[in-house]
Protein backbone atom coordinates (compact mmCIF):
# COMPACT_ATOMS: atom_id res chain seq x y z
CA MET A 1 6.92 -27.81 -6.48
CA GLU A 2 7.04 -25.21 -9.26
CA LEU A 3 4.25 -27.01 -11.12
CA CYS A 4 2.10 -27.01 -7.98
CA ARG A 5 2.81 -23.33 -7.45
CA LYS A 6 1.80 -22.43 -11.00
CA ARG A 7 -1.30 -24.59 -10.75
CA SER A 8 -2.40 -22.98 -7.49
CA TYR A 9 -1.76 -19.53 -8.93
CA LEU A 10 -3.92 -20.29 -11.96
CA LEU A 11 -6.65 -21.53 -9.66
CA LEU A 12 -6.37 -18.33 -7.68
CA LEU A 13 -6.66 -16.19 -10.82
CA ALA A 14 -9.64 -18.16 -12.06
CA GLY A 15 -11.35 -17.81 -8.72
CA LEU A 16 -10.63 -14.12 -8.51
CA VAL A 17 -11.82 -13.30 -12.00
CA GLY A 18 -15.00 -15.28 -11.48
CA LEU A 19 -15.68 -13.67 -8.15
CA ALA A 20 -14.94 -10.23 -9.53
CA THR A 21 -17.81 -10.62 -11.98
CA THR A 22 -20.27 -12.16 -9.52
CA VAL A 23 -20.10 -11.87 -5.73
CA LEU A 24 -17.08 -9.59 -5.49
CA TRP A 25 -18.73 -6.44 -6.72
CA ALA A 26 -22.28 -7.36 -5.74
CA GLN A 27 -23.88 -3.96 -5.57
CA GLU A 28 -27.25 -3.01 -6.98
CA ALA A 29 -26.58 -2.34 -10.67
CA PRO A 30 -23.17 -0.68 -10.22
CA GLU A 31 -22.45 1.92 -12.87
CA HIS A 32 -18.77 1.07 -13.06
CA ILE A 33 -16.22 -1.13 -11.37
CA GLY A 34 -12.80 0.39 -10.83
CA LEU A 35 -9.90 -0.11 -8.44
CA PRO A 36 -10.38 1.36 -4.95
CA GLN A 37 -7.17 1.57 -2.91
CA ASP A 38 -7.02 2.51 0.76
CA TRP A 39 -5.04 1.82 3.94
CA SER A 40 -6.35 -1.75 4.19
CA LEU A 41 -4.76 -2.87 0.92
CA HIS A 42 -1.38 -2.87 2.68
CA HIS A 43 -2.61 -4.59 5.84
CA VAL A 44 -3.94 -7.81 4.37
CA ILE A 45 -1.55 -9.07 1.72
CA PHE A 46 -1.47 -11.94 -0.77
CA THR A 47 1.51 -13.63 -2.39
CA ASN A 48 2.09 -16.23 -5.07
CA GLY A 49 2.42 -19.86 -4.03
CA ALA A 50 -0.99 -20.29 -2.42
CA THR A 51 -2.44 -23.77 -2.10
CA PRO A 52 -5.75 -24.28 -3.96
CA GLU A 53 -7.62 -24.11 -0.66
CA VAL A 54 -5.97 -20.85 0.38
CA ALA A 55 -6.45 -19.40 -3.11
CA ALA A 56 -10.17 -20.14 -2.99
CA ALA A 57 -10.50 -18.57 0.47
CA SER A 58 -8.46 -15.53 -0.61
CA ALA A 59 -10.86 -14.97 -3.49
CA ARG A 60 -13.53 -13.96 -0.96
CA ASP A 61 -11.62 -10.71 -0.41
CA PRO A 62 -11.55 -8.35 -3.40
CA ARG A 63 -8.21 -7.04 -2.18
CA SER A 64 -6.63 -10.23 -3.52
CA TRP A 65 -7.98 -9.41 -6.97
CA ILE A 66 -7.02 -5.75 -6.66
CA ASN A 67 -3.51 -6.75 -5.60
CA TRP A 68 -3.18 -9.03 -8.63
CA VAL A 69 -4.50 -6.38 -11.02
CA LEU A 70 -2.17 -3.70 -9.63
CA ARG A 71 0.85 -5.98 -9.98
CA THR A 72 -0.06 -7.38 -13.40
CA PHE A 73 -2.23 -5.31 -15.74
CA PRO A 74 -0.61 -1.87 -15.38
CA GLN A 75 2.89 -3.27 -15.82
CA ARG A 76 1.92 -5.21 -18.92
CA GLY A 77 0.07 -2.24 -20.34
CA ALA A 78 2.97 0.13 -19.66
CA GLN A 79 5.51 -2.27 -21.10
CA ALA A 80 3.42 -2.71 -24.23
CA ALA A 81 3.06 1.05 -24.58
CA ARG A 82 6.80 1.52 -24.23
CA ALA A 83 7.44 -1.15 -26.82
CA ALA A 84 4.97 0.43 -29.22
CA ALA A 85 6.55 3.83 -28.74
CA ALA A 86 10.04 2.45 -29.26
CA GLU A 87 9.04 0.72 -32.51
CA SER A 88 7.20 3.70 -33.98
CA THR A 89 8.86 5.72 -36.72
CA GLU A 90 9.57 9.44 -36.73
CA ASP A 91 6.47 9.99 -38.80
CA GLU A 92 4.21 8.15 -36.39
CA PRO A 93 2.68 9.75 -33.28
CA GLN A 94 4.91 9.46 -30.23
CA LEU A 95 3.78 8.98 -26.66
CA PRO A 96 4.72 12.01 -24.55
CA ARG A 97 7.45 10.97 -22.14
CA ILE A 98 8.80 12.12 -18.82
CA ALA A 99 12.16 13.73 -19.51
CA GLY A 100 14.87 13.38 -16.91
CA ASN A 101 14.70 12.48 -13.23
CA HIS A 102 12.48 15.14 -11.73
CA PHE A 103 11.79 13.32 -8.48
CA ALA A 104 14.82 14.78 -6.70
CA THR A 105 13.32 18.18 -5.95
CA ARG A 106 10.19 18.67 -8.01
CA THR A 107 6.72 18.95 -6.56
CA ASP A 108 4.33 18.27 -9.43
CA TRP A 109 1.57 19.98 -7.52
CA ALA A 110 0.60 20.93 -3.99
CA ILE A 111 -2.83 22.06 -2.80
CA SER A 112 -3.69 23.81 0.46
CA LEU A 113 -5.75 21.81 2.96
CA GLY A 114 -6.00 24.74 5.36
CA ALA A 115 -4.08 26.42 8.15
CA THR A 116 -5.46 24.30 11.01
CA ALA A 117 -4.50 20.75 10.06
CA GLY A 118 -4.08 18.42 7.12
CA MET A 119 -3.98 14.71 6.37
CA PRO A 120 -3.32 13.12 9.80
CA VAL A 121 -0.13 11.36 10.92
CA ALA A 122 0.21 7.78 9.54
CA GLU A 123 -3.13 7.91 7.73
CA THR A 124 -3.61 7.11 4.04
CA PRO A 125 -5.41 8.99 1.26
CA ALA A 126 -7.78 6.76 -0.73
CA LYS A 127 -7.14 6.44 -4.48
CA PHE A 128 -9.71 5.40 -7.08
CA THR A 129 -8.55 4.28 -10.51
CA PHE A 130 -11.37 4.22 -13.03
CA ASN A 131 -9.88 1.76 -15.51
CA THR A 132 -8.85 -1.65 -14.21
CA SER A 133 -6.30 -1.79 -17.05
CA GLY A 134 -4.39 1.02 -15.34
CA THR A 135 -5.02 3.49 -18.18
CA PRO A 136 -4.90 6.98 -16.60
CA ASP A 137 -8.17 8.91 -16.64
CA CYS A 138 -8.03 12.64 -16.00
CA ALA A 139 -11.70 13.08 -15.13
CA ASN A 140 -12.52 9.89 -13.25
CA ASP A 141 -9.35 8.96 -11.36
CA PHE A 142 -9.28 10.72 -8.00
CA VAL A 143 -7.65 10.80 -4.56
CA VAL A 144 -9.61 11.42 -1.34
CA PHE A 145 -7.95 13.40 1.45
CA VAL A 146 -9.35 14.00 4.92
CA VAL A 147 -8.58 16.97 7.15
CA ASN A 148 -8.43 16.94 10.94
CA ALA A 149 -10.00 20.38 11.26
CA THR A 150 -13.41 21.62 12.41
CA PRO A 151 -15.51 21.81 9.24
CA GLY A 152 -17.52 24.81 8.15
CA VAL A 153 -19.79 25.39 5.17
CA GLY A 154 -18.19 28.02 2.97
CA THR A 155 -14.93 27.69 4.85
CA GLN A 156 -13.09 24.50 5.88
CA ALA A 157 -13.63 21.05 4.34
CA ASN A 158 -12.91 17.90 6.32
CA ILE A 159 -13.15 15.49 3.35
CA LEU A 160 -12.43 16.21 -0.31
CA ALA A 161 -11.43 14.62 -3.59
CA ILE A 162 -8.98 15.78 -6.23
CA ASN A 163 -9.00 14.76 -9.90
CA ASN A 164 -7.02 15.79 -12.99
CA LEU A 165 -4.28 14.11 -10.99
CA TYR A 166 -1.79 13.64 -13.80
CA SER A 167 -1.06 17.34 -14.08
CA GLY A 168 1.94 19.50 -13.33
CA PRO A 169 4.94 20.86 -15.21
CA ALA A 170 5.05 19.93 -18.88
CA PRO A 171 4.92 17.36 -20.27
CA ASN A 172 1.66 16.37 -18.64
CA LEU A 173 -1.48 14.39 -19.35
CA CYS A 174 -4.14 16.49 -17.58
CA GLY A 175 -2.91 20.08 -17.81
CA THR A 176 -0.83 22.07 -15.37
CA SER A 177 -3.07 21.89 -12.30
CA PRO A 178 -5.35 19.40 -10.56
CA THR A 179 -8.94 20.27 -9.69
CA PHE A 180 -11.27 19.69 -6.76
CA MET A 181 -13.74 16.99 -7.73
CA TRP A 182 -15.76 17.66 -4.57
CA SER A 183 -15.22 19.25 -1.15
CA TYR A 184 -17.50 18.72 1.87
CA ALA A 185 -17.91 19.98 5.41
CA VAL A 186 -19.45 16.95 7.17
CA GLY A 187 -20.71 17.09 10.76
CA ASN A 188 -18.93 19.15 13.39
CA GLY A 189 -15.59 17.42 13.89
CA GLY A 190 -12.33 16.78 12.13
CA ILE A 191 -11.43 13.50 10.47
CA LEU A 192 -8.21 12.01 11.82
CA LEU A 193 -8.42 8.50 10.34
CA SER A 194 -8.16 7.00 6.86
CA PRO A 195 -11.14 7.00 4.45
CA VAL A 196 -12.37 3.87 2.64
CA LEU A 197 -14.04 3.79 -0.79
CA SER A 198 -16.82 1.59 -2.14
CA ASN A 199 -15.80 -0.67 -5.00
CA ASP A 200 -17.47 1.62 -7.55
CA GLY A 201 -15.91 4.72 -5.98
CA LYS A 202 -19.26 6.43 -5.46
CA LYS A 203 -19.21 6.30 -1.65
CA ALA A 204 -16.63 6.98 1.05
CA ALA A 205 -16.77 5.61 4.60
CA PHE A 206 -14.91 7.40 7.38
CA ILE A 207 -14.87 8.14 11.11
CA GLU A 208 -15.65 11.69 12.16
CA ALA A 209 -14.41 12.95 15.52
CA SER A 210 -17.83 14.37 16.33
CA ASN A 211 -18.71 16.05 19.58
CA PRO A 212 -19.12 14.23 21.92
CA ASN A 213 -18.69 10.79 20.27
CA ALA A 214 -17.02 9.42 17.17
CA THR A 215 -19.47 8.71 14.35
CA PHE A 216 -19.31 6.26 11.47
CA ASN A 217 -20.20 8.05 8.22
CA VAL A 218 -20.88 6.97 4.65
CA LEU A 219 -20.77 9.83 2.14
CA THR A 220 -22.44 9.59 -1.26
CA TRP A 221 -20.74 12.33 -3.23
CA VAL A 222 -21.63 14.34 -6.32
CA ALA A 223 -18.93 15.71 -8.58
CA GLY A 224 -18.75 19.50 -8.75
CA GLN A 225 -19.95 20.14 -5.21
CA GLY A 226 -17.38 22.30 -3.41
CA THR A 227 -14.57 24.26 -4.98
CA ASN A 228 -11.61 24.04 -2.57
CA ALA A 229 -10.57 22.99 0.92
CA THR A 230 -10.53 26.35 2.67
CA THR A 231 -13.26 28.64 1.34
CA GLY A 232 -15.47 26.48 -0.85
CA ALA A 233 -16.67 23.52 1.23
CA VAL A 234 -20.35 22.61 1.02
CA ALA A 235 -22.71 20.49 3.12
CA PRO A 236 -23.95 17.25 1.53
CA GLY A 237 -27.22 17.79 -0.33
CA GLY A 238 -28.57 18.23 -3.83
CA GLY A 239 -28.02 14.59 -4.69
CA SER A 240 -25.19 13.94 -2.26
CA SER A 241 -25.88 12.63 1.23
CA VAL A 242 -24.22 11.30 4.35
CA ALA A 243 -25.44 8.45 6.55
CA THR A 244 -24.26 8.97 10.13
CA LEU A 245 -24.12 6.31 12.85
CA ASP A 246 -23.31 7.10 16.49
CA TYR A 247 -21.94 3.58 16.71
CA THR A 248 -20.41 3.59 20.21
CA ASN A 249 -23.56 4.95 21.79
CA ILE A 250 -25.99 2.24 20.68
CA THR A 251 -27.33 -0.75 22.59
CA VAL A 252 -27.98 -3.92 20.63
CA THR A 253 -28.10 -7.57 21.66
CA GLY A 254 -24.89 -8.35 23.53
CA CYS A 255 -23.56 -4.83 23.05
CA ALA A 256 -24.18 -2.06 25.59
CA ALA A 257 -23.88 1.64 24.81
CA ASN A 258 -20.36 2.81 25.65
CA ALA A 259 -20.00 6.31 24.18
CA SER A 260 -16.45 7.01 23.08
CA ASP A 261 -14.16 8.87 20.73
CA ASN A 262 -12.01 7.03 18.18
CA SER A 263 -8.43 8.21 17.73
CA ALA A 264 -6.76 5.18 16.14
CA SER A 265 -9.19 2.81 14.38
CA SER A 266 -10.04 3.26 10.70
CA PRO A 267 -12.84 1.08 9.35
CA PHE A 268 -11.96 -2.16 7.54
CA VAL A 269 -14.65 -3.11 4.99
CA ASP A 270 -15.50 -6.69 4.12
CA TYR A 271 -16.90 -5.88 0.67
CA THR A 272 -18.38 -9.32 0.02
CA ASN A 273 -20.62 -9.18 3.10
CA ASP A 274 -21.01 -5.38 3.11
CA VAL A 275 -19.87 -5.08 6.71
CA ALA A 276 -17.17 -3.03 8.43
CA TYR A 277 -15.04 -3.73 11.47
CA VAL A 278 -13.96 -0.75 13.56
CA GLY A 279 -12.73 -0.09 17.07
CA ALA A 280 -12.86 2.88 19.42
CA ASP A 281 -11.04 4.37 22.40
CA ASN A 282 -13.33 2.44 24.76
CA GLY A 283 -11.54 -0.78 23.78
CA VAL A 284 -14.60 -2.22 22.00
CA LEU A 285 -14.57 -3.88 18.56
CA TYR A 286 -17.70 -3.33 16.44
CA ARG A 287 -19.21 -5.06 13.43
CA ILE A 288 -21.34 -2.67 11.36
CA LYS A 289 -23.57 -3.98 8.56
CA GLY A 290 -25.13 -2.27 5.55
CA ILE A 291 -22.05 -0.19 4.76
CA PHE A 292 -22.39 0.54 1.04
CA ARG A 293 -25.47 -1.45 0.00
CA GLY A 294 -27.82 -0.65 2.86
CA THR A 295 -28.11 1.49 5.98
CA PRO A 296 -25.14 1.37 8.38
CA THR A 297 -26.27 -0.42 11.55
CA VAL A 298 -24.37 -1.90 14.48
CA ALA A 299 -24.72 -5.70 14.28
CA TYR A 300 -22.79 -6.57 17.45
CA CYS A 301 -19.61 -5.80 19.39
CA THR A 302 -17.19 -7.18 21.96
CA THR A 303 -14.91 -5.61 24.54
CA VAL A 304 -11.31 -6.35 23.58
CA SER A 305 -9.41 -4.25 26.12
CA ALA A 306 -11.62 -2.04 28.27
CA GLY A 307 -10.63 1.63 28.22
CA ASN A 308 -7.75 1.19 25.76
CA SER A 309 -7.68 2.60 22.23
CA LEU A 310 -7.85 -0.05 19.53
CA THR A 311 -5.97 0.03 16.25
CA SER A 312 -7.73 -0.48 12.95
CA PRO A 313 -8.98 -4.07 12.67
CA VAL A 314 -7.97 -6.37 9.79
CA TYR A 315 -10.23 -9.16 8.54
CA ASP A 316 -8.56 -12.18 6.95
CA SER A 317 -10.85 -14.14 4.63
CA VAL A 318 -8.62 -17.24 4.74
CA SER A 319 -8.66 -17.80 8.51
CA GLY A 320 -11.99 -16.02 8.97
CA LYS A 321 -10.49 -13.96 11.80
CA VAL A 322 -10.37 -10.27 12.67
CA PHE A 323 -7.02 -9.09 14.08
CA VAL A 324 -6.70 -5.96 16.20
CA SER A 325 -4.35 -4.49 18.81
CA ASP A 326 -4.78 -2.43 21.96
CA GLY A 327 -1.23 -1.09 21.69
CA GLN A 328 0.37 -3.92 23.67
CA LYS A 329 -1.28 -7.16 22.57
CA VAL A 330 -2.56 -8.55 19.28
CA TYR A 331 -6.00 -10.19 19.47
CA ALA A 332 -7.97 -12.43 17.11
CA TYR A 333 -11.75 -12.80 16.90
CA ILE A 334 -14.01 -14.89 14.69
CA PRO A 335 -17.12 -12.98 13.56
CA GLY A 336 -20.25 -15.10 13.59
CA ALA A 337 -23.90 -14.58 12.79
CA SER A 338 -24.60 -12.64 15.98
CA SER A 339 -21.36 -12.29 17.97
CA PHE A 340 -17.56 -12.41 18.03
CA THR A 341 -15.74 -15.46 19.37
CA ALA A 342 -12.31 -14.87 20.93
CA ALA A 343 -9.61 -16.77 19.02
CA GLY A 344 -6.42 -15.98 20.92
CA ASN A 345 -4.13 -13.11 21.87
CA ILE A 346 -0.42 -12.55 22.46
CA GLN A 347 1.55 -9.83 24.20
CA VAL A 348 4.01 -7.96 21.98
CA ALA A 349 5.01 -4.90 24.03
CA GLY A 350 5.69 -4.10 27.66
CA THR A 351 4.50 -0.49 27.38
CA ALA A 352 0.98 0.69 26.61
CA GLY A 353 0.45 2.36 23.24
CA SER A 354 3.56 0.85 21.66
CA ILE A 355 1.74 -0.52 18.60
CA GLU A 356 0.34 2.46 16.69
CA LEU A 357 -1.08 0.87 13.56
CA SER A 358 -3.03 -2.28 12.86
CA PRO A 359 -1.39 -5.66 12.33
CA ILE A 360 -0.36 -6.67 8.81
CA VAL A 361 -1.81 -10.07 7.89
CA ASP A 362 -0.06 -12.23 5.28
CA SER A 363 -3.18 -14.11 4.28
CA THR A 364 -1.40 -16.50 1.90
CA ASN A 365 1.40 -17.66 4.20
CA GLY A 366 -0.44 -17.44 7.51
CA PHE A 367 1.58 -14.79 9.35
CA VAL A 368 0.70 -11.65 11.31
CA TYR A 369 3.15 -8.75 11.73
CA ALA A 370 3.17 -5.93 14.28
CA PHE A 371 5.52 -2.92 14.42
CA SER A 372 6.16 -1.71 17.96
CA SER A 373 8.19 0.93 19.77
CA HIS A 374 8.83 -1.58 22.61
CA ASN A 375 9.24 -5.30 23.01
CA VAL A 376 7.97 -7.10 26.11
CA ALA A 377 11.21 -6.28 27.94
CA ASN A 378 10.98 -2.61 26.85
CA SER A 379 14.53 -2.75 25.50
CA ASN A 380 14.06 -2.55 21.71
CA THR A 381 11.83 -1.35 18.95
CA ILE A 382 10.74 -4.45 17.06
CA VAL A 383 8.96 -6.12 14.22
CA SER A 384 7.04 -9.07 15.67
CA GLN A 385 5.93 -11.99 13.49
CA MET A 386 3.20 -14.36 14.70
CA PRO A 387 1.39 -17.32 13.14
CA ILE A 388 -2.32 -16.81 12.48
CA SER A 389 -3.02 -18.80 15.67
CA LEU A 390 -1.16 -16.19 17.78
CA ALA A 391 0.35 -19.13 19.66
CA SER A 392 3.94 -17.83 19.46
CA LYS A 393 6.01 -14.97 18.08
CA VAL A 394 9.45 -14.06 16.74
CA ASP A 395 10.83 -10.58 17.36
CA ALA A 396 13.44 -8.79 15.26
CA ALA A 397 15.05 -5.79 16.95
CA ILE A 398 15.16 -2.59 14.88
CA GLY A 399 16.94 -0.29 17.33
CA PRO A 400 16.56 0.82 20.95
CA ALA A 401 13.10 1.29 22.44
CA THR A 402 11.65 4.76 22.04
CA THR A 403 9.03 6.99 23.56
CA ALA A 404 9.99 9.90 21.32
CA GLN A 405 8.82 8.62 17.96
CA TYR A 406 6.22 6.39 16.36
CA ILE A 407 7.22 3.03 14.93
CA LEU A 408 4.99 2.68 11.90
CA ASP A 409 4.54 0.14 9.13
CA GLY A 410 7.32 -1.13 6.94
CA ASP A 411 6.70 -2.98 3.68
CA PHE A 412 7.76 -6.11 1.82
CA ASP A 413 9.71 -6.26 -1.42
CA ASN A 414 8.43 -7.68 -4.69
CA LYS A 415 10.30 -10.95 -4.13
CA TYR A 416 8.17 -11.53 -1.02
CA TYR A 417 5.00 -11.01 -3.03
CA THR A 418 6.28 -13.14 -5.92
CA ASN A 419 7.88 -16.05 -4.07
CA GLY A 420 6.66 -15.77 -0.49
CA PRO A 421 8.81 -14.90 2.54
CA ALA A 422 11.61 -17.44 1.96
CA THR A 423 13.41 -15.26 -0.61
CA GLY A 424 11.78 -11.94 0.25
CA SER A 425 12.69 -9.03 2.48
CA LEU A 426 10.82 -6.79 4.90
CA TYR A 427 11.96 -3.18 5.26
CA ALA A 428 11.26 -1.36 8.50
CA CYS A 429 12.07 2.04 9.95
CA GLY A 430 13.31 1.71 13.52
CA THR A 431 15.66 3.78 15.65
CA GLN A 432 19.34 4.55 15.33
CA THR A 433 21.76 2.47 17.36
CA GLY A 434 22.88 5.47 19.39
CA SER A 435 19.55 7.27 19.67
CA GLY A 436 15.96 6.22 20.19
CA ASN A 437 14.91 9.65 18.93
CA LYS A 438 16.22 9.32 15.38
CA PRO A 439 15.09 7.01 12.54
CA ALA A 440 17.10 4.33 10.74
CA LEU A 441 16.31 1.80 8.00
CA TYR A 442 16.48 -1.97 8.60
CA THR A 443 16.25 -5.01 6.31
CA LEU A 444 14.75 -8.21 7.68
CA SER A 445 14.92 -11.67 6.08
CA PHE A 446 13.22 -15.05 6.49
CA GLN A 447 14.02 -18.71 6.83
CA ALA A 448 12.93 -21.25 4.21
CA SER A 449 9.92 -22.01 6.42
CA GLY A 450 8.84 -18.37 6.23
CA VAL A 451 9.72 -17.66 9.85
CA MET A 452 11.41 -14.27 10.26
CA ASN A 453 15.06 -14.18 11.30
CA THR A 454 15.63 -12.38 14.59
CA ALA A 455 18.76 -10.55 13.39
CA ALA A 456 18.45 -7.90 10.68
CA VAL A 457 20.54 -8.49 7.56
CA MET A 458 21.01 -4.73 7.36
CA ALA A 459 20.78 -2.49 10.43
CA ASN A 460 21.01 1.19 11.27
CA ASP A 461 21.10 2.84 7.84
CA VAL A 462 20.88 6.43 8.99
CA HIS A 463 20.63 7.74 5.42
CA VAL A 464 16.85 7.45 5.67
CA ASN A 465 17.24 10.69 7.64
CA SER A 466 18.67 13.95 6.30
CA ALA A 467 22.34 14.89 6.56
CA ALA A 468 21.52 17.06 9.58
CA ASN A 469 20.31 13.87 11.32
CA PRO A 470 17.55 15.47 13.42
CA ASN A 471 15.05 13.72 15.65
CA GLY A 472 12.03 12.45 13.78
CA THR A 473 9.71 9.67 12.67
CA CYS A 474 9.32 7.69 9.47
CA SER A 475 5.97 7.55 7.73
CA PRO A 476 4.49 4.17 6.89
CA MET A 477 6.47 2.82 3.94
CA ILE A 478 5.08 1.79 0.58
CA GLU A 479 6.65 -0.48 -2.05
CA PHE A 480 5.97 -0.40 -5.77
CA PHE A 481 7.29 -2.71 -8.50
CA ASP A 482 7.02 -1.38 -12.05
CA GLY A 483 7.93 -4.60 -13.82
CA SER A 484 11.68 -4.02 -13.68
CA VAL A 485 12.56 -1.81 -10.72
CA ASP A 486 11.32 -2.35 -7.17
CA ARG A 487 11.05 0.90 -5.21
CA LEU A 488 10.42 1.79 -1.58
CA PHE A 489 9.09 5.20 -0.51
CA VAL A 490 9.32 6.70 2.97
CA GLY A 491 8.79 10.16 4.47
CA VAL A 492 10.73 11.46 7.48
CA GLY A 493 10.00 14.47 9.65
CA ARG A 494 8.62 15.72 12.95
CA SER A 495 4.86 16.12 12.94
CA GLY A 496 3.87 19.73 13.55
CA SER A 497 7.47 20.94 13.32
CA THR A 498 9.48 22.41 10.46
CA THR A 499 12.82 21.53 12.08
CA GLY A 500 12.82 17.85 11.11
CA ALA A 501 14.24 16.17 8.03
CA ASN A 502 11.14 17.15 6.00
CA LEU A 503 11.82 14.75 3.16
CA VAL A 504 10.57 11.86 1.06
CA SER A 505 13.14 9.36 -0.11
CA MET A 506 12.95 6.64 -2.74
CA TRP A 507 15.05 3.48 -2.40
CA ASN A 508 15.89 0.92 -5.07
CA ILE A 509 15.14 -2.44 -3.46
CA THR A 510 15.28 -4.55 -6.63
CA ASN A 511 18.20 -6.23 -4.90
CA ARG A 512 18.06 -6.66 -1.12
CA ILE A 513 19.76 -3.80 0.74
CA THR A 514 22.48 -5.35 2.91
CA ALA A 515 24.88 -2.42 3.49
CA ASN A 516 23.96 0.38 5.88
CA THR A 517 25.99 2.76 3.75
CA THR A 518 23.29 2.56 1.06
CA THR A 519 21.73 5.89 0.15
CA PRO A 520 18.35 6.65 -1.43
CA ALA A 521 18.02 6.74 -5.19
CA ALA A 522 16.25 10.11 -5.01
CA THR A 523 14.98 12.57 -2.43
CA ALA A 524 12.29 15.24 -2.34
CA THR A 525 12.80 17.99 0.25
CA ASN A 526 10.76 20.63 2.11
CA GLU A 527 7.88 18.26 2.88
CA LEU A 528 7.27 20.05 6.16
CA GLY A 529 6.75 17.89 9.25
CA GLY A 530 7.27 14.78 7.17
CA THR A 531 4.37 13.01 5.48
CA SER A 532 1.22 11.05 6.05
CA SER A 533 1.10 7.57 4.58
CA PHE A 534 1.10 7.35 0.77
CA ALA A 535 -1.36 6.58 -1.97
CA ILE A 536 0.34 5.45 -5.17
CA ASP A 537 -0.36 5.21 -8.88
CA ASN A 538 0.64 2.42 -11.18
CA ASP A 539 3.42 2.21 -13.75
CA SER A 540 2.67 4.26 -16.85
CA PRO A 541 4.74 5.62 -19.75
CA LEU A 542 2.50 8.70 -19.83
CA PRO A 543 3.75 11.91 -18.21
CA GLN A 544 2.68 12.60 -14.62
CA ALA A 545 0.80 9.28 -14.44
CA SER A 546 3.20 7.44 -12.10
CA SER A 547 2.94 9.29 -8.82
CA ILE A 548 2.68 9.20 -5.05
CA TYR A 549 0.23 11.28 -3.00
CA PHE A 550 0.43 12.37 0.64
CA GLY A 551 -0.22 15.18 3.07
CA THR A 552 2.38 17.29 4.89
CA LEU A 553 2.35 17.32 8.69
CA ALA A 554 3.46 20.90 9.35
CA LYS A 555 3.02 24.31 7.78
CA GLY A 556 5.47 27.04 6.89
CA ASN A 557 6.40 29.53 4.20
CA ASN A 558 8.93 27.20 2.60
CA GLY A 559 6.45 24.33 2.30
CA PRO A 560 5.21 22.93 -1.01
CA CYS A 561 2.07 25.10 -0.93
CA GLY A 562 4.18 28.22 -0.70
CA ASN A 563 2.34 29.61 2.35
CA THR A 564 1.49 28.73 5.93
CA THR A 565 -0.91 25.88 5.26
CA PHE A 566 -0.89 22.11 5.33
CA CYS A 567 -0.68 20.58 1.87
CA ALA A 568 -1.85 17.71 -0.29
CA VAL A 569 1.12 16.83 -2.49
CA LYS A 570 1.86 14.83 -5.65
CA LEU A 571 5.37 13.71 -6.61
CA THR A 572 6.48 11.73 -9.65
CA GLN A 573 7.74 8.26 -8.69
CA SER A 574 10.76 8.37 -10.97
CA ALA A 575 11.86 9.07 -14.49
CA LEU A 576 10.64 6.61 -17.14
CA GLN A 577 13.50 6.11 -19.57
């Protein structure tokens, strides 16, 4: 079995490397290939142990290659750098190091996004790493934030990028402060969904809440345009441009105009075919072609759940299916040359709007996961696991049902990614046993077959909340393994309010958490309103180069920006000893 696993993994790597140099990044003479990271990287996942057939199919999605690079190259590079530094003599140059554990209270930097709004609830900044080896680059590594505020030239930006990321208190790699790489006021509406980057980082796709309909936009940016988020935004021009598609208001073959807003569906890009899948509040799923290598155009659409908001879709290259939810059910569709074909659905929740975010698809092992504030009986918050066929499901309760808070994504530990579900764990933020209004941490496990166990191995760890134990919601979680320590990050707060926990906590999940008396390894406070979802750096021995990025969800004088504005924030992951 182990020999077969290693063989399939080698086949996977060979396929991925080959595809990365041919079809994977097939743009017209790309200037540079880096590592784009966005919300979708955590919604279609790949583990070791794939069969040769699954490995070959996985290679059609660049996220499989990106996942492998992020879990392999940076760790090796960082470990080698540490070893070199440790072996150097006193007379030889030393790598600057991070001294002490600063994560507990330190904000490396915080930048104002404006007084109206910031990075939206549960949405993810997009990170671009210039060097695939994970070597930090002050000028070319950047993070894209969106702002759910009405844009204005010379005033408020609704999409912007920050570079010189690895800055902050000394020691640092890029100085004491980050800089705005660009800052744009696009269209006439805020942006309340996650941005997506092209594989060379030169373009960003996003949904603008335009008046009266949502629009699909692709921005080609130019560095140096725009100086800040609040008084220095510019309109695209002078080399930059934006392609805008009123995608819900277009009639094409088999797809009638059905003008609508979009409050919950970020675009999912199939890089190989240069198409995007996106939903809208009219309950329609769209396929848009020509995303980064052409002109965005609606190819076709299908009505999934008329009049109901759709989550972000997820395309799985192994099964060839798109998975999406209307808040109660999970649906599957097969995209063809000119239309979608329905491929099954299953009810997860008894209450509309219970599933906030898109399904997570384990492409390697053939499972789909949904996080929901209600089960079918409306008695519990749950994690629901389904096979790719959607023919059945297994629910694990993670507290009482709730209408007072969102139930957002959890994440898997490194053992899941390394060995598959049999020995891995899934961490989820549900509700406390005695209150559906307060968050608690849960650990879920799996049978040898990969099927999720219905009973949590650890339930109701209230230490994910602050000592005051207020009402609140967890952010989507993110896991990061640095080669030796496996960490889990989660924010907790009350969106728009300064009276919540207002914190980010880091948990050591190298060993499965089984006791609900476990406390976080470190905590950062005064993150007002809690946090958006996180973007994350890789492991690095260089100062300020192992970080997490997010937006705050409330404003106040004691926030990280130091005034009454929403903030973009960087925190150091941990000390590197």
